[in-house]
Structure formats: C-alpha cells, structure tokens
Amino acid sequence: MNFDSKQHFGAVQRSVSSVTRDGKEAKAVTLARSYPTAIDDLWSALTNSERIPRWFLPITGDLNLGGRYQFEGNAGGEIRECNSPTFLSVTWEWQDDVSWLEARLSEAAENKTQLTLTHTAVVSEFWTQFGPGATGVGWETGLIGLDYHLLNPNAPMLDKGQFSSSPEGRAFVAQSSEDWGRASIASGTQMTQALEAVKKITAFYTGDNSETS
C-alpha cells in the first residue's frame, strides 16, 4: 500500500468536547477532513450497502430511516436521521454500550467534499482509562480505508490487518494516539491522565504491552 501518513495527519482535524447526552456527561470525538470527490460520491460511499464493505466492514440490515444495521463482528444500531447527501445520524451499539455517531458532509470546493465525523459516548471508566484515542484511532484507520476506496474505487479492499501489523501501520497508530492525546489535553484533560491513556491505547492497537509497563 502506498500510504503517505504525513499527508493523512495533516489533512485530519481532531477535537474533543464535553457535551450532555440523555442527561449524562458525555464526550464527543470529532474528526474532519476533505476528500477529492463530489458530495454525492462520498455520501454513496458512506451509505451504500455495496460500497461500505469495500472500505469498512460487511454490513446487513435495513439501511433506511428507522431501520437497523449490523456490521459483521462489530457494532450495530438504528438509523435515526438521514438527510441525503449532507447528514446521517445513527446509534452505535456494542454489547451493552450505546453511543452515537453523526456524519456531516459539505462541499469544500469544486469536486471536493468535507466529512465531519462525530462519535459521542457517555463518560465511563473506560473513557477515563483510554481517552478519545479508543474511538479516534479506530476511526482514523477507517478514514484511511475510505480514502483508499475513493481513490481506487474498483480495487480490492485495503487489507487493514496487514497494514496494522506492518511497521508503517504501527507508526501510524502511535502517531494517531499521540495526536488524540494532544486533543484530549486541549479539551481540559490533565496531562498525566491523557498521556497514560495514550500509552494504553497505543498498546491496545499495536499489541505491544511494553507500552503500559
């Protein structure tokens, strides 16, 4: 895979904010970046059942407003809002946890579209330990797959397992985790807590437990 990590990191804007969801304290993790494609094409890549598996995971269910979806081996949920081609809101349900995912699309320039992805979760012990990187690093890996698909729409899906285990992939995870640590500190998290979360989430994604020792 020909992947320019510097170009990716420079293209992504990361932020963490405190919000209230269903009367509970929550954190919103937001990633924003633009893609060199028309808004309708990006919307199709995000919502079409035939295209989603080409960059993310196999998906089943009723992909219409009010329907339920399920990603193979991952989360499922309900489609809450769907305003083509600019806004999608779904629940993100994994085991007993429920969080919320929103995708906003806007035209940035001719044949260029910005995607703003926000994943919101209620503050929990898991959040305290692992911080925004638990969500942010995972979605950044997804954005790599999306970028690859948009540039190579007829090519086989990017092998994320092979990428993640490669030196390039491990370096990507470490950089992404550090960037989310900085975003966490900027949002008000104590530096020691944020840096400890960076070590843990880097170890989780790379399998290198020495990061937590």
N, C-alpha and C. Protein backbone atom coordinates (compact mmCIF):
# COMPACT_ATOMS: atom_id res chain seq x y z
N MET A 1 0.84 -1.21 0.00
CA MET A 1 0.00 0.00 0.00
C MET A 1 0.87 1.25 0.00
N ASN A 2 0.57 2.16 -0.87
CA ASN A 2 1.29 3.42 -0.93
C ASN A 2 0.54 4.45 -0.09
N PHE A 3 0.96 4.61 1.17
CA PHE A 3 0.25 5.47 2.10
C PHE A 3 1.16 6.53 2.67
N ASP A 4 0.79 7.77 2.46
CA ASP A 4 1.57 8.90 2.96
C ASP A 4 0.96 9.34 4.28
N SER A 5 1.55 8.88 5.39
CA SER A 5 0.98 9.19 6.71
C SER A 5 1.03 10.68 7.02
N LYS A 6 2.08 11.37 6.55
CA LYS A 6 2.18 12.80 6.81
C LYS A 6 1.03 13.55 6.15
N GLN A 7 0.68 13.12 4.94
CA GLN A 7 -0.43 13.76 4.24
C GLN A 7 -1.74 13.51 4.98
N HIS A 8 -1.92 12.29 5.49
CA HIS A 8 -3.14 11.97 6.23
C HIS A 8 -3.24 12.81 7.50
N PHE A 9 -2.18 12.81 8.31
CA PHE A 9 -2.24 13.53 9.58
C PHE A 9 -2.43 15.02 9.37
N GLY A 10 -1.85 15.54 8.30
CA GLY A 10 -2.02 16.95 8.02
C GLY A 10 -3.42 17.29 7.54
N ALA A 11 -4.12 16.29 7.00
CA ALA A 11 -5.46 16.53 6.45
C ALA A 11 -6.56 16.44 7.50
N VAL A 12 -6.29 15.72 8.59
CA VAL A 12 -7.33 15.46 9.60
C VAL A 12 -7.29 16.50 10.71
N GLN A 13 -8.45 17.04 11.03
CA GLN A 13 -8.61 17.92 12.19
C GLN A 13 -9.26 17.10 13.30
N ARG A 14 -8.69 17.16 14.50
CA ARG A 14 -9.17 16.36 15.62
C ARG A 14 -9.58 17.26 16.78
N SER A 15 -10.69 16.94 17.40
CA SER A 15 -11.11 17.72 18.57
C SER A 15 -11.93 16.84 19.51
N VAL A 16 -11.92 17.24 20.78
CA VAL A 16 -12.69 16.56 21.82
C VAL A 16 -13.47 17.62 22.58
N SER A 17 -14.74 17.35 22.83
CA SER A 17 -15.55 18.32 23.55
C SER A 17 -16.44 17.63 24.57
N SER A 18 -16.80 18.37 25.62
CA SER A 18 -17.70 17.87 26.65
C SER A 18 -19.12 18.27 26.30
N VAL A 19 -20.03 17.31 26.34
CA VAL A 19 -21.43 17.55 25.99
C VAL A 19 -22.32 16.81 26.99
N THR A 20 -23.60 17.02 26.86
CA THR A 20 -24.57 16.27 27.65
C THR A 20 -25.42 15.44 26.71
N ARG A 21 -25.57 14.17 27.02
CA ARG A 21 -26.38 13.27 26.19
C ARG A 21 -27.31 12.48 27.09
N ASP A 22 -28.60 12.61 26.81
CA ASP A 22 -29.62 11.93 27.64
C ASP A 22 -29.45 12.26 29.12
N GLY A 23 -29.08 13.51 29.40
CA GLY A 23 -28.93 13.97 30.78
C GLY A 23 -27.65 13.52 31.46
N LYS A 24 -26.72 12.91 30.71
CA LYS A 24 -25.49 12.41 31.29
C LYS A 24 -24.28 13.12 30.67
N GLU A 25 -23.20 13.19 31.45
CA GLU A 25 -21.96 13.77 30.95
C GLU A 25 -21.41 12.88 29.84
N ALA A 26 -21.03 13.48 28.74
CA ALA A 26 -20.52 12.71 27.60
C ALA A 26 -19.37 13.45 26.95
N LYS A 27 -18.65 12.73 26.11
CA LYS A 27 -17.54 13.29 25.35
C LYS A 27 -17.78 13.06 23.86
N ALA A 28 -17.54 14.09 23.08
CA ALA A 28 -17.69 13.99 21.63
C ALA A 28 -16.32 14.03 20.98
N VAL A 29 -16.00 13.00 20.23
CA VAL A 29 -14.74 12.90 19.50
C VAL A 29 -15.03 13.22 18.04
N THR A 30 -14.38 14.24 17.50
CA THR A 30 -14.68 14.69 16.13
C THR A 30 -13.45 14.65 15.25
N LEU A 31 -13.64 14.06 14.06
CA LEU A 31 -12.61 14.05 13.02
C LEU A 31 -13.18 14.76 11.81
N ALA A 32 -12.40 15.61 11.18
CA ALA A 32 -12.84 16.29 9.97
C ALA A 32 -11.71 16.28 8.95
N ARG A 33 -12.06 15.96 7.70
CA ARG A 33 -11.09 16.03 6.61
C ARG A 33 -11.85 16.09 5.30
N SER A 34 -11.19 16.58 4.28
CA SER A 34 -11.81 16.68 2.96
C SER A 34 -11.30 15.58 2.05
N TYR A 35 -12.13 15.24 1.05
CA TYR A 35 -11.79 14.21 0.08
C TYR A 35 -11.97 14.78 -1.33
N PRO A 36 -11.11 14.38 -2.26
CA PRO A 36 -11.20 14.91 -3.63
C PRO A 36 -12.28 14.20 -4.44
N THR A 37 -13.53 14.40 -4.04
CA THR A 37 -14.64 13.79 -4.75
C THR A 37 -15.90 14.62 -4.52
N ALA A 38 -16.90 14.40 -5.35
CA ALA A 38 -18.16 15.13 -5.22
C ALA A 38 -18.94 14.65 -4.00
N ILE A 39 -19.80 15.50 -3.47
CA ILE A 39 -20.54 15.17 -2.26
C ILE A 39 -21.41 13.94 -2.45
N ASP A 40 -22.01 13.76 -3.63
CA ASP A 40 -22.86 12.60 -3.86
C ASP A 40 -22.05 11.30 -3.85
N ASP A 41 -20.83 11.35 -4.34
CA ASP A 41 -19.99 10.16 -4.34
C ASP A 41 -19.58 9.78 -2.93
N LEU A 42 -19.20 10.77 -2.11
CA LEU A 42 -18.82 10.49 -0.73
C LEU A 42 -20.02 9.97 0.06
N TRP A 43 -21.19 10.56 -0.16
CA TRP A 43 -22.40 10.09 0.51
C TRP A 43 -22.67 8.63 0.14
N SER A 44 -22.51 8.30 -1.13
CA SER A 44 -22.72 6.93 -1.58
C SER A 44 -21.76 5.96 -0.89
N ALA A 45 -20.50 6.37 -0.77
CA ALA A 45 -19.50 5.51 -0.12
C ALA A 45 -19.85 5.26 1.34
N LEU A 46 -20.47 6.24 1.97
CA LEU A 46 -20.82 6.12 3.39
C LEU A 46 -22.13 5.38 3.64
N THR A 47 -23.01 5.32 2.65
CA THR A 47 -24.36 4.81 2.91
C THR A 47 -24.79 3.65 2.02
N ASN A 48 -24.07 3.38 0.95
CA ASN A 48 -24.48 2.33 0.03
C ASN A 48 -23.99 0.97 0.54
N SER A 49 -24.92 0.02 0.67
CA SER A 49 -24.58 -1.28 1.25
C SER A 49 -23.57 -2.06 0.43
N GLU A 50 -23.44 -1.74 -0.87
CA GLU A 50 -22.46 -2.42 -1.70
C GLU A 50 -21.07 -1.79 -1.60
N ARG A 51 -21.03 -0.51 -1.25
CA ARG A 51 -19.75 0.18 -1.18
C ARG A 51 -19.14 0.16 0.22
N ILE A 52 -19.96 0.17 1.26
CA ILE A 52 -19.44 0.19 2.63
C ILE A 52 -18.45 -0.94 2.88
N PRO A 53 -18.74 -2.19 2.46
CA PRO A 53 -17.78 -3.27 2.71
C PRO A 53 -16.47 -3.13 1.95
N ARG A 54 -16.41 -2.25 0.96
CA ARG A 54 -15.18 -2.08 0.20
C ARG A 54 -14.14 -1.26 0.96
N TRP A 55 -14.59 -0.55 2.03
CA TRP A 55 -13.62 0.25 2.78
C TRP A 55 -13.73 0.07 4.29
N PHE A 56 -14.84 -0.55 4.76
CA PHE A 56 -15.00 -0.69 6.21
C PHE A 56 -15.25 -2.14 6.59
N LEU A 57 -16.51 -2.55 6.71
CA LEU A 57 -16.86 -3.91 7.11
C LEU A 57 -18.13 -4.35 6.38
N PRO A 58 -18.34 -5.65 6.23
CA PRO A 58 -19.61 -6.14 5.69
C PRO A 58 -20.76 -5.66 6.57
N ILE A 59 -21.87 -5.29 5.95
CA ILE A 59 -23.00 -4.73 6.69
C ILE A 59 -24.30 -5.39 6.22
N THR A 60 -25.20 -5.62 7.17
CA THR A 60 -26.51 -6.17 6.87
C THR A 60 -27.56 -5.31 7.56
N GLY A 61 -28.83 -5.52 7.19
CA GLY A 61 -29.93 -4.81 7.84
C GLY A 61 -30.71 -3.94 6.88
N ASP A 62 -31.55 -3.10 7.45
CA ASP A 62 -32.39 -2.18 6.69
C ASP A 62 -31.76 -0.80 6.73
N LEU A 63 -31.08 -0.43 5.65
CA LEU A 63 -30.35 0.85 5.62
C LEU A 63 -31.26 1.99 5.17
N ASN A 64 -32.36 2.15 5.88
CA ASN A 64 -33.30 3.24 5.65
C ASN A 64 -33.63 3.88 6.98
N LEU A 65 -34.19 5.08 6.92
CA LEU A 65 -34.53 5.80 8.14
C LEU A 65 -35.39 4.92 9.05
N GLY A 66 -34.98 4.79 10.31
CA GLY A 66 -35.70 3.96 11.26
C GLY A 66 -35.29 2.51 11.25
N GLY A 67 -34.51 2.10 10.25
CA GLY A 67 -34.06 0.72 10.17
C GLY A 67 -32.87 0.45 11.07
N ARG A 68 -32.53 -0.82 11.18
CA ARG A 68 -31.38 -1.22 11.99
C ARG A 68 -30.32 -1.87 11.09
N TYR A 69 -29.08 -1.59 11.41
CA TYR A 69 -27.95 -2.12 10.66
C TYR A 69 -27.07 -2.94 11.59
N GLN A 70 -26.22 -3.79 11.02
CA GLN A 70 -25.26 -4.55 11.81
C GLN A 70 -23.98 -4.75 11.01
N PHE A 71 -22.85 -4.30 11.57
CA PHE A 71 -21.56 -4.56 10.97
C PHE A 71 -21.06 -5.92 11.45
N GLU A 72 -20.51 -6.68 10.54
CA GLU A 72 -20.03 -8.02 10.86
C GLU A 72 -18.91 -7.95 11.90
N GLY A 73 -19.13 -8.61 13.05
CA GLY A 73 -18.13 -8.65 14.10
C GLY A 73 -17.91 -7.34 14.82
N ASN A 74 -18.83 -6.40 14.65
CA ASN A 74 -18.64 -5.08 15.26
C ASN A 74 -19.99 -4.54 15.72
N ALA A 75 -20.14 -3.25 15.70
CA ALA A 75 -21.33 -2.61 16.25
C ALA A 75 -22.52 -2.68 15.29
N GLY A 76 -23.69 -2.43 15.84
CA GLY A 76 -24.91 -2.25 15.06
C GLY A 76 -25.67 -1.08 15.65
N GLY A 77 -26.87 -0.84 15.15
CA GLY A 77 -27.64 0.27 15.71
C GLY A 77 -28.82 0.64 14.86
N GLU A 78 -29.37 1.80 15.18
CA GLU A 78 -30.56 2.30 14.50
C GLU A 78 -30.23 3.57 13.71
N ILE A 79 -30.79 3.69 12.54
CA ILE A 79 -30.62 4.89 11.73
C ILE A 79 -31.63 5.93 12.19
N ARG A 80 -31.16 6.98 12.85
CA ARG A 80 -32.03 7.97 13.48
C ARG A 80 -32.40 9.11 12.55
N GLU A 81 -31.42 9.63 11.79
CA GLU A 81 -31.67 10.72 10.85
C GLU A 81 -30.88 10.44 9.57
N CYS A 82 -31.48 10.82 8.45
CA CYS A 82 -30.81 10.60 7.17
C CYS A 82 -31.29 11.66 6.18
N ASN A 83 -30.45 12.67 5.98
CA ASN A 83 -30.77 13.76 5.06
C ASN A 83 -29.73 13.76 3.94
N SER A 84 -30.05 13.04 2.88
CA SER A 84 -29.12 12.91 1.75
C SER A 84 -28.93 14.25 1.04
N PRO A 85 -27.70 14.62 0.71
CA PRO A 85 -26.42 13.94 0.94
C PRO A 85 -25.57 14.64 2.00
N THR A 86 -26.19 15.15 3.05
CA THR A 86 -25.43 16.00 3.97
C THR A 86 -25.37 15.54 5.41
N PHE A 87 -26.30 14.69 5.88
CA PHE A 87 -26.29 14.36 7.31
C PHE A 87 -26.83 12.97 7.58
N LEU A 88 -26.10 12.23 8.42
CA LEU A 88 -26.51 10.89 8.84
C LEU A 88 -26.26 10.76 10.33
N SER A 89 -27.25 10.23 11.05
CA SER A 89 -27.13 10.03 12.49
C SER A 89 -27.61 8.63 12.83
N VAL A 90 -26.75 7.87 13.54
CA VAL A 90 -27.10 6.51 13.93
C VAL A 90 -26.67 6.26 15.37
N THR A 91 -27.29 5.28 16.00
CA THR A 91 -26.75 4.80 17.27
C THR A 91 -25.65 3.80 16.97
N TRP A 92 -24.72 3.69 17.90
CA TRP A 92 -23.58 2.78 17.75
C TRP A 92 -23.61 1.86 18.97
N GLU A 93 -24.12 0.65 18.78
CA GLU A 93 -24.39 -0.26 19.89
C GLU A 93 -23.43 -1.45 19.85
N TRP A 94 -22.66 -1.58 20.92
CA TRP A 94 -21.70 -2.68 21.02
C TRP A 94 -21.84 -3.32 22.40
N GLN A 95 -22.26 -4.59 22.42
CA GLN A 95 -22.55 -5.30 23.66
C GLN A 95 -23.59 -4.50 24.44
N ASP A 96 -23.26 -4.05 25.65
CA ASP A 96 -24.26 -3.31 26.44
C ASP A 96 -24.09 -1.80 26.35
N ASP A 97 -23.16 -1.34 25.54
CA ASP A 97 -22.90 0.10 25.45
C ASP A 97 -23.59 0.71 24.22
N VAL A 98 -24.12 1.91 24.42
CA VAL A 98 -24.74 2.65 23.33
C VAL A 98 -24.06 4.02 23.23
N SER A 99 -23.59 4.35 22.04
CA SER A 99 -23.06 5.68 21.78
C SER A 99 -23.71 6.18 20.49
N TRP A 100 -23.27 7.35 20.01
CA TRP A 100 -23.97 8.00 18.90
C TRP A 100 -22.96 8.48 17.87
N LEU A 101 -23.29 8.24 16.61
CA LEU A 101 -22.39 8.60 15.52
C LEU A 101 -23.11 9.50 14.53
N GLU A 102 -22.45 10.60 14.17
CA GLU A 102 -23.01 11.54 13.19
C GLU A 102 -21.98 11.82 12.11
N ALA A 103 -22.45 11.88 10.88
CA ALA A 103 -21.60 12.23 9.74
C ALA A 103 -22.22 13.42 9.03
N ARG A 104 -21.43 14.49 8.87
CA ARG A 104 -21.87 15.68 8.15
C ARG A 104 -20.99 15.89 6.93
N LEU A 105 -21.62 16.13 5.79
CA LEU A 105 -20.90 16.35 4.55
C LEU A 105 -21.20 17.76 4.05
N SER A 106 -20.17 18.41 3.53
CA SER A 106 -20.35 19.75 2.96
C SER A 106 -19.37 19.92 1.81
N GLU A 107 -19.80 20.67 0.81
CA GLU A 107 -18.94 20.93 -0.34
C GLU A 107 -17.87 21.93 0.06
N ALA A 108 -16.59 21.52 -0.07
CA ALA A 108 -15.48 22.38 0.32
C ALA A 108 -14.96 23.20 -0.86
N ALA A 109 -15.05 22.63 -2.05
CA ALA A 109 -14.61 23.30 -3.28
C ALA A 109 -15.12 22.44 -4.43
N GLU A 110 -14.79 22.83 -5.64
CA GLU A 110 -15.23 22.04 -6.79
C GLU A 110 -14.64 20.63 -6.70
N ASN A 111 -15.52 19.64 -6.74
CA ASN A 111 -15.12 18.23 -6.66
C ASN A 111 -14.30 17.94 -5.40
N LYS A 112 -14.67 18.58 -4.31
CA LYS A 112 -14.00 18.36 -3.03
C LYS A 112 -15.04 18.46 -1.92
N THR A 113 -15.09 17.46 -1.05
CA THR A 113 -16.12 17.38 -0.03
C THR A 113 -15.50 17.16 1.34
N GLN A 114 -15.99 17.88 2.34
CA GLN A 114 -15.51 17.69 3.70
C GLN A 114 -16.44 16.76 4.46
N LEU A 115 -15.83 15.82 5.15
CA LEU A 115 -16.55 14.92 6.05
C LEU A 115 -16.21 15.29 7.48
N THR A 116 -17.24 15.50 8.30
CA THR A 116 -17.05 15.73 9.73
C THR A 116 -17.75 14.59 10.46
N LEU A 117 -16.96 13.77 11.13
CA LEU A 117 -17.47 12.58 11.81
C LEU A 117 -17.37 12.81 13.32
N THR A 118 -18.50 12.68 14.02
CA THR A 118 -18.53 12.89 15.47
C THR A 118 -19.09 11.66 16.15
N HIS A 119 -18.30 11.10 17.06
CA HIS A 119 -18.72 9.93 17.84
C HIS A 119 -18.80 10.35 19.30
N THR A 120 -20.01 10.26 19.87
CA THR A 120 -20.27 10.73 21.22
C THR A 120 -20.56 9.56 22.14
N ALA A 121 -19.92 9.54 23.31
CA ALA A 121 -20.12 8.46 24.27
C ALA A 121 -20.23 9.03 25.68
N VAL A 122 -21.05 8.40 26.50
CA VAL A 122 -21.18 8.79 27.89
C VAL A 122 -19.86 8.51 28.61
N VAL A 123 -19.43 9.44 29.46
CA VAL A 123 -18.19 9.28 30.21
C VAL A 123 -18.30 8.06 31.12
N SER A 124 -17.29 7.21 31.06
CA SER A 124 -17.29 5.97 31.84
C SER A 124 -15.87 5.69 32.32
N GLU A 125 -15.72 4.59 33.06
CA GLU A 125 -14.38 4.20 33.49
C GLU A 125 -13.50 3.89 32.29
N PHE A 126 -14.11 3.31 31.25
CA PHE A 126 -13.35 3.01 30.03
C PHE A 126 -12.80 4.29 29.43
N TRP A 127 -13.65 5.34 29.35
CA TRP A 127 -13.19 6.62 28.79
C TRP A 127 -12.05 7.18 29.62
N THR A 128 -12.17 7.13 30.94
CA THR A 128 -11.15 7.67 31.82
C THR A 128 -9.81 6.97 31.58
N GLN A 129 -9.84 5.66 31.35
CA GLN A 129 -8.61 4.91 31.16
C GLN A 129 -8.00 5.10 29.77
N PHE A 130 -8.85 5.09 28.74
CA PHE A 130 -8.33 5.05 27.37
C PHE A 130 -8.50 6.35 26.59
N GLY A 131 -9.36 7.26 27.07
CA GLY A 131 -9.49 8.56 26.43
C GLY A 131 -10.05 8.51 25.01
N PRO A 132 -9.94 9.60 24.28
CA PRO A 132 -10.53 9.70 22.94
C PRO A 132 -9.85 8.83 21.90
N GLY A 133 -8.62 8.39 22.18
CA GLY A 133 -7.92 7.56 21.21
C GLY A 133 -8.60 6.24 20.94
N ALA A 134 -9.32 5.71 21.92
CA ALA A 134 -10.02 4.44 21.73
C ALA A 134 -10.97 4.54 20.54
N THR A 135 -11.63 5.68 20.42
CA THR A 135 -12.52 5.93 19.29
C THR A 135 -11.77 6.54 18.11
N GLY A 136 -10.95 7.53 18.41
CA GLY A 136 -10.29 8.29 17.35
C GLY A 136 -9.34 7.48 16.49
N VAL A 137 -8.51 6.65 17.11
CA VAL A 137 -7.55 5.85 16.34
C VAL A 137 -8.29 4.88 15.43
N GLY A 138 -9.35 4.26 15.96
CA GLY A 138 -10.13 3.33 15.15
C GLY A 138 -10.76 3.99 13.94
N TRP A 139 -11.34 5.17 14.15
CA TRP A 139 -11.97 5.86 13.03
C TRP A 139 -10.94 6.38 12.04
N GLU A 140 -9.76 6.76 12.51
CA GLU A 140 -8.73 7.20 11.56
C GLU A 140 -8.32 6.06 10.65
N THR A 141 -8.26 4.84 11.20
CA THR A 141 -7.98 3.69 10.35
C THR A 141 -9.08 3.52 9.31
N GLY A 142 -10.32 3.75 9.73
CA GLY A 142 -11.43 3.69 8.78
C GLY A 142 -11.32 4.74 7.70
N LEU A 143 -10.89 5.93 8.07
CA LEU A 143 -10.74 7.01 7.09
C LEU A 143 -9.65 6.71 6.06
N ILE A 144 -8.62 5.95 6.49
CA ILE A 144 -7.61 5.53 5.54
C ILE A 144 -8.24 4.62 4.49
N GLY A 145 -9.05 3.67 4.97
CA GLY A 145 -9.73 2.77 4.04
C GLY A 145 -10.66 3.51 3.11
N LEU A 146 -11.35 4.52 3.64
CA LEU A 146 -12.26 5.32 2.81
C LEU A 146 -11.49 6.10 1.76
N ASP A 147 -10.38 6.69 2.15
CA ASP A 147 -9.55 7.44 1.22
C ASP A 147 -9.05 6.53 0.10
N TYR A 148 -8.59 5.34 0.49
CA TYR A 148 -8.08 4.37 -0.49
C TYR A 148 -9.19 3.96 -1.46
N HIS A 149 -10.40 3.73 -0.93
CA HIS A 149 -11.52 3.33 -1.77
C HIS A 149 -11.91 4.43 -2.76
N LEU A 150 -11.94 5.66 -2.29
CA LEU A 150 -12.33 6.76 -3.17
C LEU A 150 -11.32 6.98 -4.28
N LEU A 151 -10.05 6.76 -3.97
CA LEU A 151 -9.00 6.93 -4.99
C LEU A 151 -8.91 5.72 -5.91
N ASN A 152 -9.33 4.54 -5.39
CA ASN A 152 -9.23 3.30 -6.16
C ASN A 152 -10.56 2.54 -6.05
N PRO A 153 -11.65 3.08 -6.60
CA PRO A 153 -12.99 2.53 -6.37
C PRO A 153 -13.18 1.10 -6.83
N ASN A 154 -12.41 0.65 -7.80
CA ASN A 154 -12.56 -0.71 -8.32
C ASN A 154 -11.51 -1.68 -7.78
N ALA A 155 -10.65 -1.19 -6.92
CA ALA A 155 -9.58 -2.03 -6.37
C ALA A 155 -10.11 -2.86 -5.21
N PRO A 156 -9.46 -4.00 -4.91
CA PRO A 156 -9.83 -4.78 -3.73
C PRO A 156 -9.70 -3.94 -2.47
N MET A 157 -10.44 -4.31 -1.45
CA MET A 157 -10.41 -3.57 -0.19
C MET A 157 -9.02 -3.59 0.42
N LEU A 158 -8.63 -2.48 1.01
CA LEU A 158 -7.36 -2.39 1.72
C LEU A 158 -7.32 -3.43 2.84
N ASP A 159 -6.23 -4.18 2.92
CA ASP A 159 -6.04 -5.18 3.98
C ASP A 159 -5.57 -4.46 5.23
N LYS A 160 -6.54 -4.10 6.10
CA LYS A 160 -6.19 -3.32 7.28
C LYS A 160 -5.40 -4.12 8.30
N GLY A 161 -5.66 -5.45 8.34
CA GLY A 161 -4.90 -6.29 9.26
C GLY A 161 -3.43 -6.30 8.90
N GLN A 162 -3.15 -6.44 7.61
CA GLN A 162 -1.77 -6.42 7.15
C GLN A 162 -1.14 -5.05 7.39
N PHE A 163 -1.91 -4.01 7.13
CA PHE A 163 -1.39 -2.66 7.35
C PHE A 163 -1.09 -2.43 8.82
N SER A 164 -2.03 -2.83 9.71
CA SER A 164 -1.88 -2.57 11.14
C SER A 164 -0.67 -3.28 11.74
N SER A 165 -0.32 -4.45 11.18
CA SER A 165 0.80 -5.22 11.71
C SER A 165 2.14 -4.82 11.10
N SER A 166 2.11 -3.96 10.08
CA SER A 166 3.34 -3.53 9.43
C SER A 166 4.01 -2.42 10.22
N PRO A 167 5.31 -2.21 10.04
CA PRO A 167 5.99 -1.09 10.71
C PRO A 167 5.32 0.24 10.40
N GLU A 168 4.88 0.41 9.16
CA GLU A 168 4.19 1.64 8.77
C GLU A 168 2.89 1.80 9.55
N GLY A 169 2.15 0.70 9.70
CA GLY A 169 0.88 0.75 10.41
C GLY A 169 1.06 1.01 11.89
N ARG A 170 2.07 0.40 12.49
CA ARG A 170 2.34 0.62 13.92
C ARG A 170 2.75 2.06 14.18
N ALA A 171 3.54 2.62 13.26
CA ALA A 171 3.93 4.02 13.40
C ALA A 171 2.71 4.93 13.25
N PHE A 172 1.80 4.55 12.35
CA PHE A 172 0.57 5.31 12.17
C PHE A 172 -0.25 5.33 13.47
N VAL A 173 -0.42 4.16 14.09
CA VAL A 173 -1.19 4.07 15.33
C VAL A 173 -0.55 4.93 16.42
N ALA A 174 0.76 4.84 16.55
CA ALA A 174 1.45 5.62 17.59
C ALA A 174 1.24 7.12 17.37
N GLN A 175 1.37 7.58 16.12
CA GLN A 175 1.19 9.00 15.83
C GLN A 175 -0.24 9.43 16.07
N SER A 176 -1.20 8.61 15.62
CA SER A 176 -2.61 8.94 15.82
C SER A 176 -2.94 9.02 17.30
N SER A 177 -2.45 8.06 18.07
CA SER A 177 -2.70 8.05 19.51
C SER A 177 -2.13 9.30 20.17
N GLU A 178 -0.93 9.70 19.77
CA GLU A 178 -0.33 10.91 20.33
C GLU A 178 -1.15 12.15 19.98
N ASP A 179 -1.62 12.20 18.75
CA ASP A 179 -2.43 13.35 18.32
C ASP A 179 -3.73 13.43 19.11
N TRP A 180 -4.34 12.27 19.39
CA TRP A 180 -5.56 12.29 20.20
C TRP A 180 -5.25 12.64 21.65
N GLY A 181 -4.07 12.31 22.10
CA GLY A 181 -3.66 12.74 23.43
C GLY A 181 -3.57 14.26 23.52
N ARG A 182 -3.03 14.88 22.46
CA ARG A 182 -2.94 16.34 22.43
C ARG A 182 -4.34 16.96 22.38
N ALA A 183 -5.23 16.34 21.59
CA ALA A 183 -6.60 16.86 21.52
C ALA A 183 -7.29 16.73 22.87
N SER A 184 -7.00 15.66 23.59
CA SER A 184 -7.59 15.46 24.92
C SER A 184 -7.10 16.52 25.90
N ILE A 185 -5.80 16.80 25.87
CA ILE A 185 -5.24 17.83 26.75
C ILE A 185 -5.84 19.20 26.42
N ALA A 186 -5.99 19.48 25.12
CA ALA A 186 -6.57 20.75 24.70
C ALA A 186 -8.01 20.90 25.18
N SER A 187 -8.69 19.77 25.40
CA SER A 187 -10.09 19.82 25.85
C SER A 187 -10.20 19.98 27.36
N GLY A 188 -9.06 19.91 28.07
CA GLY A 188 -9.08 20.10 29.52
C GLY A 188 -8.66 18.91 30.34
N THR A 189 -8.34 17.79 29.70
CA THR A 189 -7.89 16.62 30.44
C THR A 189 -6.51 16.88 31.04
N GLN A 190 -6.29 16.42 32.26
CA GLN A 190 -4.98 16.58 32.88
C GLN A 190 -3.93 15.86 32.05
N MET A 191 -2.75 16.46 31.93
CA MET A 191 -1.73 15.92 31.06
C MET A 191 -1.33 14.50 31.44
N THR A 192 -1.14 14.23 32.73
CA THR A 192 -0.72 12.90 33.16
C THR A 192 -1.76 11.85 32.78
N GLN A 193 -3.04 12.17 32.95
CA GLN A 193 -4.11 11.25 32.59
C GLN A 193 -4.14 11.01 31.08
N ALA A 194 -4.00 12.08 30.33
CA ALA A 194 -4.04 11.96 28.87
C ALA A 194 -2.87 11.14 28.35
N LEU A 195 -1.68 11.36 28.88
CA LEU A 195 -0.50 10.64 28.41
C LEU A 195 -0.56 9.17 28.79
N GLU A 196 -1.13 8.86 29.93
CA GLU A 196 -1.30 7.47 30.33
C GLU A 196 -2.28 6.77 29.40
N ALA A 197 -3.34 7.48 29.01
CA ALA A 197 -4.30 6.92 28.07
C ALA A 197 -3.65 6.67 26.71
N VAL A 198 -2.76 7.57 26.29
CA VAL A 198 -2.05 7.39 25.03
C VAL A 198 -1.25 6.08 25.05
N LYS A 199 -0.55 5.82 26.13
CA LYS A 199 0.23 4.58 26.24
C LYS A 199 -0.67 3.35 26.14
N LYS A 200 -1.81 3.40 26.84
CA LYS A 200 -2.70 2.24 26.86
C LYS A 200 -3.34 1.98 25.51
N ILE A 201 -3.77 3.04 24.84
CA ILE A 201 -4.47 2.82 23.57
C ILE A 201 -3.47 2.44 22.48
N THR A 202 -2.24 2.95 22.55
CA THR A 202 -1.21 2.53 21.59
C THR A 202 -0.91 1.05 21.77
N ALA A 203 -0.78 0.61 23.02
CA ALA A 203 -0.54 -0.81 23.30
C ALA A 203 -1.70 -1.67 22.83
N PHE A 204 -2.92 -1.19 22.99
CA PHE A 204 -4.09 -1.96 22.57
C PHE A 204 -4.09 -2.19 21.07
N TYR A 205 -3.82 -1.15 20.30
CA TYR A 205 -3.89 -1.27 18.84
C TYR A 205 -2.66 -1.95 18.25
N THR A 206 -1.50 -1.86 18.91
CA THR A 206 -0.29 -2.47 18.36
C THR A 206 0.00 -3.83 18.97
N GLY A 207 -0.65 -4.13 20.10
CA GLY A 207 -0.37 -5.39 20.78
C GLY A 207 0.93 -5.37 21.55
N ASP A 208 1.52 -4.20 21.72
CA ASP A 208 2.79 -4.06 22.42
C ASP A 208 2.51 -3.68 23.87
N ASN A 209 2.45 -4.66 24.75
CA ASN A 209 2.13 -4.39 26.16
C ASN A 209 3.24 -3.69 26.91
N SER A 210 4.42 -3.59 26.29
CA SER A 210 5.51 -2.87 26.95
C SER A 210 5.19 -1.41 27.09
N GLU A 211 4.21 -0.91 26.26
CA GLU A 211 3.83 0.49 26.34
C GLU A 211 3.20 0.84 27.68
N THR A 212 2.62 -0.16 28.35
CA THR A 212 1.91 0.11 29.61
C THR A 212 2.73 -0.24 30.82
N SER A 213 3.94 -0.76 30.62
CA SER A 213 4.76 -1.18 31.75
C SER A 213 5.55 0.00 32.31
